[in-house]
Amino acid sequence: MAEHTSMLHIRVDDDTKALATQALAAMGLSVSEAVRLFLRRVVIDQALPLEMKVPNAETRAAMEESRAMLAARRARFDSAEALFDDIEKNRRQ
């Protein structure tokens, strides 16, 4: 049986809508998806959800690297030892 849904209408000025649409698109979300996500988090947490921001350039690059690795089915490190060596090296920086 299909879940019953309701239409939600809100009013917001055109500039806010345009800027929010642009920012949400950068996060991979539509305005409708963001509103649904917001409402689900309110229900689950019984509080306002945490702040979401557009990722900076370094984070976007890491996300793209991760997606490419998943698509190629390859790991960044050949072994756990190589991973831990990299962590140690970068921890000291």
N, C-alpha and C. Protein backbone atom coordinates (compact mmCIF):
# COMPACT_ATOMS: atom_id res chain seq x y z
N MET A 1 0.84 -1.17 0.00
CA MET A 1 0.00 0.00 0.00
C MET A 1 0.88 1.24 0.00
N ALA A 2 0.59 2.20 -0.85
CA ALA A 2 1.38 3.42 -0.96
C ALA A 2 1.14 4.32 0.24
N GLU A 3 2.19 4.96 0.66
CA GLU A 3 2.09 5.90 1.78
C GLU A 3 1.40 7.17 1.31
N HIS A 4 0.48 7.68 2.11
CA HIS A 4 -0.22 8.92 1.77
C HIS A 4 0.72 10.09 1.99
N THR A 5 0.76 11.01 1.05
CA THR A 5 1.60 12.19 1.17
C THR A 5 0.74 13.44 1.14
N SER A 6 1.29 14.52 1.65
CA SER A 6 0.61 15.81 1.67
C SER A 6 1.48 16.84 0.98
N MET A 7 0.83 17.80 0.37
CA MET A 7 1.53 18.90 -0.28
C MET A 7 1.84 19.96 0.76
N LEU A 8 3.03 20.49 0.73
CA LEU A 8 3.44 21.54 1.64
C LEU A 8 3.74 22.79 0.81
N HIS A 9 3.08 23.87 1.11
CA HIS A 9 3.29 25.13 0.39
C HIS A 9 3.94 26.13 1.34
N ILE A 10 5.01 26.75 0.88
CA ILE A 10 5.65 27.79 1.69
C ILE A 10 5.90 29.01 0.81
N ARG A 11 6.00 30.14 1.43
CA ARG A 11 6.32 31.37 0.70
C ARG A 11 7.70 31.83 1.11
N VAL A 12 8.50 32.18 0.11
CA VAL A 12 9.84 32.68 0.33
C VAL A 12 10.16 33.65 -0.81
N ASP A 13 10.96 34.66 -0.54
CA ASP A 13 11.26 35.64 -1.59
C ASP A 13 12.09 34.98 -2.70
N ASP A 14 11.99 35.54 -3.90
CA ASP A 14 12.62 34.95 -5.08
C ASP A 14 14.13 34.82 -4.94
N ASP A 15 14.79 35.82 -4.35
CA ASP A 15 16.25 35.76 -4.21
C ASP A 15 16.66 34.62 -3.29
N THR A 16 15.98 34.47 -2.17
CA THR A 16 16.29 33.39 -1.23
C THR A 16 16.10 32.04 -1.91
N LYS A 17 15.00 31.89 -2.65
CA LYS A 17 14.74 30.62 -3.33
C LYS A 17 15.83 30.32 -4.33
N ALA A 18 16.22 31.31 -5.12
CA ALA A 18 17.24 31.10 -6.15
C ALA A 18 18.59 30.75 -5.52
N LEU A 19 18.98 31.48 -4.50
CA LEU A 19 20.26 31.23 -3.85
C LEU A 19 20.27 29.88 -3.12
N ALA A 20 19.15 29.55 -2.47
CA ALA A 20 19.05 28.25 -1.79
C ALA A 20 19.08 27.11 -2.80
N THR A 21 18.38 27.27 -3.91
CA THR A 21 18.37 26.25 -4.95
C THR A 21 19.78 25.99 -5.46
N GLN A 22 20.54 27.05 -5.65
CA GLN A 22 21.92 26.94 -6.14
C GLN A 22 22.80 26.22 -5.10
N ALA A 23 22.71 26.62 -3.84
CA ALA A 23 23.52 26.00 -2.79
C ALA A 23 23.14 24.53 -2.61
N LEU A 24 21.85 24.23 -2.61
CA LEU A 24 21.41 22.85 -2.45
C LEU A 24 21.84 21.98 -3.62
N ALA A 25 21.79 22.54 -4.82
CA ALA A 25 22.25 21.79 -6.00
C ALA A 25 23.72 21.42 -5.86
N ALA A 26 24.51 22.32 -5.28
CA ALA A 26 25.93 22.03 -5.06
C ALA A 26 26.12 20.89 -4.07
N MET A 27 25.13 20.66 -3.22
CA MET A 27 25.16 19.54 -2.27
C MET A 27 24.48 18.30 -2.83
N GLY A 28 23.95 18.41 -4.05
CA GLY A 28 23.28 17.27 -4.68
C GLY A 28 21.83 17.10 -4.25
N LEU A 29 21.21 18.18 -3.77
CA LEU A 29 19.83 18.11 -3.29
C LEU A 29 18.94 19.09 -4.03
N SER A 30 17.68 18.72 -4.19
CA SER A 30 16.67 19.67 -4.67
C SER A 30 16.08 20.36 -3.45
N VAL A 31 15.33 21.43 -3.68
CA VAL A 31 14.67 22.12 -2.57
C VAL A 31 13.69 21.17 -1.87
N SER A 32 12.93 20.41 -2.64
CA SER A 32 11.97 19.46 -2.05
C SER A 32 12.68 18.41 -1.21
N GLU A 33 13.79 17.86 -1.72
CA GLU A 33 14.54 16.87 -0.95
C GLU A 33 15.08 17.47 0.35
N ALA A 34 15.57 18.70 0.27
CA ALA A 34 16.11 19.36 1.47
C ALA A 34 15.02 19.58 2.51
N VAL A 35 13.83 19.97 2.08
CA VAL A 35 12.73 20.18 3.02
C VAL A 35 12.33 18.85 3.66
N ARG A 36 12.23 17.78 2.84
CA ARG A 36 11.90 16.46 3.40
C ARG A 36 12.96 16.01 4.40
N LEU A 37 14.23 16.21 4.05
CA LEU A 37 15.33 15.85 4.94
C LEU A 37 15.24 16.65 6.25
N PHE A 38 15.01 17.93 6.13
CA PHE A 38 14.86 18.79 7.30
C PHE A 38 13.75 18.28 8.22
N LEU A 39 12.59 18.01 7.65
CA LEU A 39 11.45 17.56 8.44
C LEU A 39 11.69 16.20 9.08
N ARG A 40 12.33 15.27 8.36
CA ARG A 40 12.63 13.95 8.93
C ARG A 40 13.57 14.09 10.13
N ARG A 41 14.59 14.97 10.00
CA ARG A 41 15.52 15.16 11.10
C ARG A 41 14.83 15.79 12.31
N VAL A 42 13.92 16.70 12.07
CA VAL A 42 13.16 17.30 13.18
C VAL A 42 12.38 16.20 13.90
N VAL A 43 11.75 15.31 13.15
CA VAL A 43 10.97 14.22 13.74
C VAL A 43 11.89 13.28 14.52
N ILE A 44 12.99 12.89 13.91
CA ILE A 44 13.89 11.92 14.55
C ILE A 44 14.57 12.51 15.78
N ASP A 45 15.10 13.73 15.65
CA ASP A 45 15.88 14.34 16.73
C ASP A 45 15.05 15.15 17.72
N GLN A 46 13.81 15.48 17.32
CA GLN A 46 12.99 16.37 18.14
C GLN A 46 13.73 17.68 18.40
N ALA A 47 14.44 18.13 17.37
CA ALA A 47 15.22 19.37 17.44
C ALA A 47 15.52 19.81 16.02
N LEU A 48 15.97 21.03 15.87
CA LEU A 48 16.40 21.49 14.54
C LEU A 48 17.66 20.74 14.14
N PRO A 49 17.79 20.38 12.85
CA PRO A 49 18.95 19.62 12.40
C PRO A 49 20.22 20.46 12.41
N LEU A 50 21.33 19.76 12.36
CA LEU A 50 22.62 20.44 12.28
C LEU A 50 22.76 21.20 10.96
N GLU A 51 23.64 22.14 10.98
CA GLU A 51 23.90 22.97 9.81
C GLU A 51 24.60 22.17 8.71
N MET A 52 24.17 22.36 7.48
CA MET A 52 24.81 21.74 6.32
C MET A 52 25.41 22.85 5.47
N LYS A 53 26.62 22.64 5.01
CA LYS A 53 27.29 23.66 4.21
C LYS A 53 27.77 23.07 2.90
N VAL A 54 27.94 23.94 1.92
CA VAL A 54 28.54 23.53 0.66
C VAL A 54 29.99 23.15 0.96
N PRO A 55 30.45 21.99 0.51
CA PRO A 55 31.83 21.59 0.80
C PRO A 55 32.84 22.52 0.15
N ASN A 56 33.98 22.74 0.85
CA ASN A 56 35.03 23.58 0.28
C ASN A 56 35.78 22.80 -0.80
N ALA A 57 36.73 23.45 -1.45
CA ALA A 57 37.44 22.84 -2.58
C ALA A 57 38.17 21.56 -2.17
N GLU A 58 38.80 21.56 -1.00
CA GLU A 58 39.54 20.37 -0.54
C GLU A 58 38.59 19.20 -0.31
N THR A 59 37.45 19.46 0.30
CA THR A 59 36.47 18.41 0.55
C THR A 59 35.88 17.89 -0.76
N ARG A 60 35.56 18.82 -1.69
CA ARG A 60 35.03 18.39 -3.00
C ARG A 60 36.04 17.49 -3.73
N ALA A 61 37.33 17.85 -3.66
CA ALA A 61 38.37 17.04 -4.31
C ALA A 61 38.43 15.64 -3.69
N ALA A 62 38.33 15.58 -2.37
CA ALA A 62 38.35 14.28 -1.68
C ALA A 62 37.12 13.46 -2.05
N MET A 63 35.97 14.10 -2.17
CA MET A 63 34.75 13.40 -2.56
C MET A 63 34.88 12.84 -3.98
N GLU A 64 35.44 13.63 -4.88
CA GLU A 64 35.63 13.17 -6.26
C GLU A 64 36.63 12.02 -6.31
N GLU A 65 37.71 12.12 -5.54
CA GLU A 65 38.69 11.04 -5.48
C GLU A 65 38.03 9.75 -4.99
N SER A 66 37.21 9.87 -3.97
CA SER A 66 36.50 8.72 -3.42
C SER A 66 35.57 8.09 -4.46
N ARG A 67 34.82 8.94 -5.16
CA ARG A 67 33.90 8.42 -6.20
C ARG A 67 34.67 7.71 -7.31
N ALA A 68 35.80 8.29 -7.71
CA ALA A 68 36.62 7.68 -8.76
C ALA A 68 37.18 6.34 -8.30
N MET A 69 37.61 6.27 -7.05
CA MET A 69 38.13 5.01 -6.52
C MET A 69 37.04 3.95 -6.46
N LEU A 70 35.84 4.34 -6.06
CA LEU A 70 34.74 3.39 -6.02
C LEU A 70 34.39 2.90 -7.42
N ALA A 71 34.36 3.82 -8.38
CA ALA A 71 34.02 3.46 -9.76
C ALA A 71 35.07 2.52 -10.35
N ALA A 72 36.35 2.76 -10.01
CA ALA A 72 37.43 1.93 -10.53
C ALA A 72 37.66 0.68 -9.69
N ARG A 73 36.92 0.60 -8.57
CA ARG A 73 37.07 -0.53 -7.64
C ARG A 73 38.52 -0.70 -7.21
N ARG A 74 39.14 0.43 -6.82
CA ARG A 74 40.52 0.36 -6.36
C ARG A 74 40.65 1.07 -5.01
N ALA A 75 41.64 0.65 -4.25
CA ALA A 75 41.90 1.25 -2.95
C ALA A 75 43.02 2.28 -3.08
N ARG A 76 43.06 3.22 -2.17
CA ARG A 76 44.11 4.23 -2.17
C ARG A 76 45.43 3.64 -1.69
N PHE A 77 45.35 2.64 -0.82
CA PHE A 77 46.55 2.01 -0.26
C PHE A 77 46.52 0.53 -0.58
N ASP A 78 47.74 -0.04 -0.77
CA ASP A 78 47.85 -1.45 -1.12
C ASP A 78 47.72 -2.37 0.09
N SER A 79 47.94 -1.79 1.29
CA SER A 79 47.89 -2.61 2.49
C SER A 79 47.51 -1.74 3.68
N ALA A 80 47.15 -2.41 4.76
CA ALA A 80 46.84 -1.68 5.99
C ALA A 80 48.10 -0.98 6.50
N GLU A 81 49.24 -1.63 6.33
CA GLU A 81 50.51 -1.02 6.78
C GLU A 81 50.77 0.29 6.04
N ALA A 82 50.51 0.32 4.74
CA ALA A 82 50.70 1.55 3.97
C ALA A 82 49.75 2.65 4.44
N LEU A 83 48.53 2.27 4.78
CA LEU A 83 47.56 3.22 5.31
C LEU A 83 48.05 3.82 6.62
N PHE A 84 48.48 2.95 7.55
CA PHE A 84 48.95 3.43 8.85
C PHE A 84 50.22 4.28 8.70
N ASP A 85 51.11 3.92 7.78
CA ASP A 85 52.30 4.73 7.53
C ASP A 85 51.91 6.13 7.06
N ASP A 86 50.92 6.21 6.19
CA ASP A 86 50.46 7.51 5.70
C ASP A 86 49.83 8.33 6.83
N ILE A 87 49.06 7.68 7.68
CA ILE A 87 48.45 8.37 8.82
C ILE A 87 49.54 8.93 9.73
N GLU A 88 50.55 8.11 10.04
CA GLU A 88 51.66 8.57 10.89
C GLU A 88 52.39 9.75 10.27
N LYS A 89 52.67 9.64 8.99
CA LYS A 89 53.39 10.73 8.28
C LYS A 89 52.60 12.02 8.33
N ASN A 90 51.31 11.95 8.08
CA ASN A 90 50.48 13.17 8.04
C ASN A 90 50.12 13.68 9.43
N ARG A 91 50.16 12.85 10.42
CA ARG A 91 49.87 13.27 11.77
C ARG A 91 50.92 14.24 12.30
N ARG A 92 52.13 14.09 11.84
CA ARG A 92 53.24 14.91 12.31
C ARG A 92 53.31 16.27 11.61
N GLN A 93 52.51 16.46 10.58
CA GLN A 93 52.56 17.72 9.80
C GLN A 93 51.80 18.81 10.47
